[in-house]
Amino acid sequence: NTTVYGSNGLDINNGAVTLGKDGLNAGGVTVGKDGINANDKTISNVGDAVNGKDATNLQQVQDIVAKSGEGSQAATDALGNSLAQNLGGSSTYKDGVVTAPNYQITNLDGSNSTAATVGDAISSLNTAVTTPLTFTGDSGSSTNKLGTTLAITGDDNITTTASEGKVAVTLNKDLTGLNSVQTVDANDPNKVSTLTAGGTTVTDGANTTVYGSNGLDINNGAVTLGKDGLNAGGVTVGKDGINANDKTISNVGDAVNGKDATNLQQVQDIVAKSGEGSQAATDALGNSLA
């Protein structure tokens, strides 16, 4: 082995170790102005780092990693549990796994379904809140979105009042502008009364009575009472008198005054009495001549 110390520095063991202007070189391991190059060799017996830029050793690194892993796992578990709780829908967290939630959905048609993701649940909710409500009446319909106002109004004879979450619909006590009013006997649907501006019509099966501007028409014209008087099957009573139409006028009381109507019995009695007087006059005349 030869060691040389000269102007170029120190050469130990035939170049196995050199120390020159570029620094130390020991079998490829160098220490110079650019730092230390271990040339893939182990740097052993390194003390624990104290300051931020101190070299550390494997043991110190392993201890640090172990401690950081414990903190990281705790943070992960906390995050997983928080996520499961916030998801709801029976979602759970265990061993690093958050199970999918199970949201119970009641659809617009009343049927039930489930959603396994927040997106599906929000989509179902969006469908529910954006689907309008459709209201129908005796005629026509109205479509209203949630949050909009539906006005319930009456007409000339109906009043609506909204109060305390209710809408009261009432029929006015004084009705105006009606075309007709019809009533039906609850026990006999053939008995119908109809009131119109032209009058009142009462129907009882096949018989109809009408009272209007022209008077009264009973039993489909069998009896009428109008501007010309009463007409009952051809018998009339009017301003020109009574026309019995060849029918009997019965139950006529005895005449009292000169222009009272008389009856057959009264006439017969008068005739009989007048006959008795005529016979007495004839007998008196005969006796006188004799």
Foldseek 3Di string as FASTA:
>chain_A
DDWDADPQGIAPPNNCWTQGPQGIAHNNFGAGPVGTDHVPDDDPPQDDDDDPPGDHDPVVVVVVVVVVVVVVVVVLVVVLQVVQVVQDQPWHDDPNDIAFHWAWDQAPVRDIDTDRHPVVVVVRVVCVQAQWDWADDPDDIDTGGPPDDDDDQDDPFWGWDDDDNDIDIDGHPDDPDDQKDKDADPVDRQFMWMQGPFFIWTGRHQFIWTAGPQGIAGRNNCWTQGPQGIAHNNFGAGPVGTDHVPDDDPPQDDDDDPPGDHDPVNVVVVVVVVVVVVVVVVVVVVVVVD
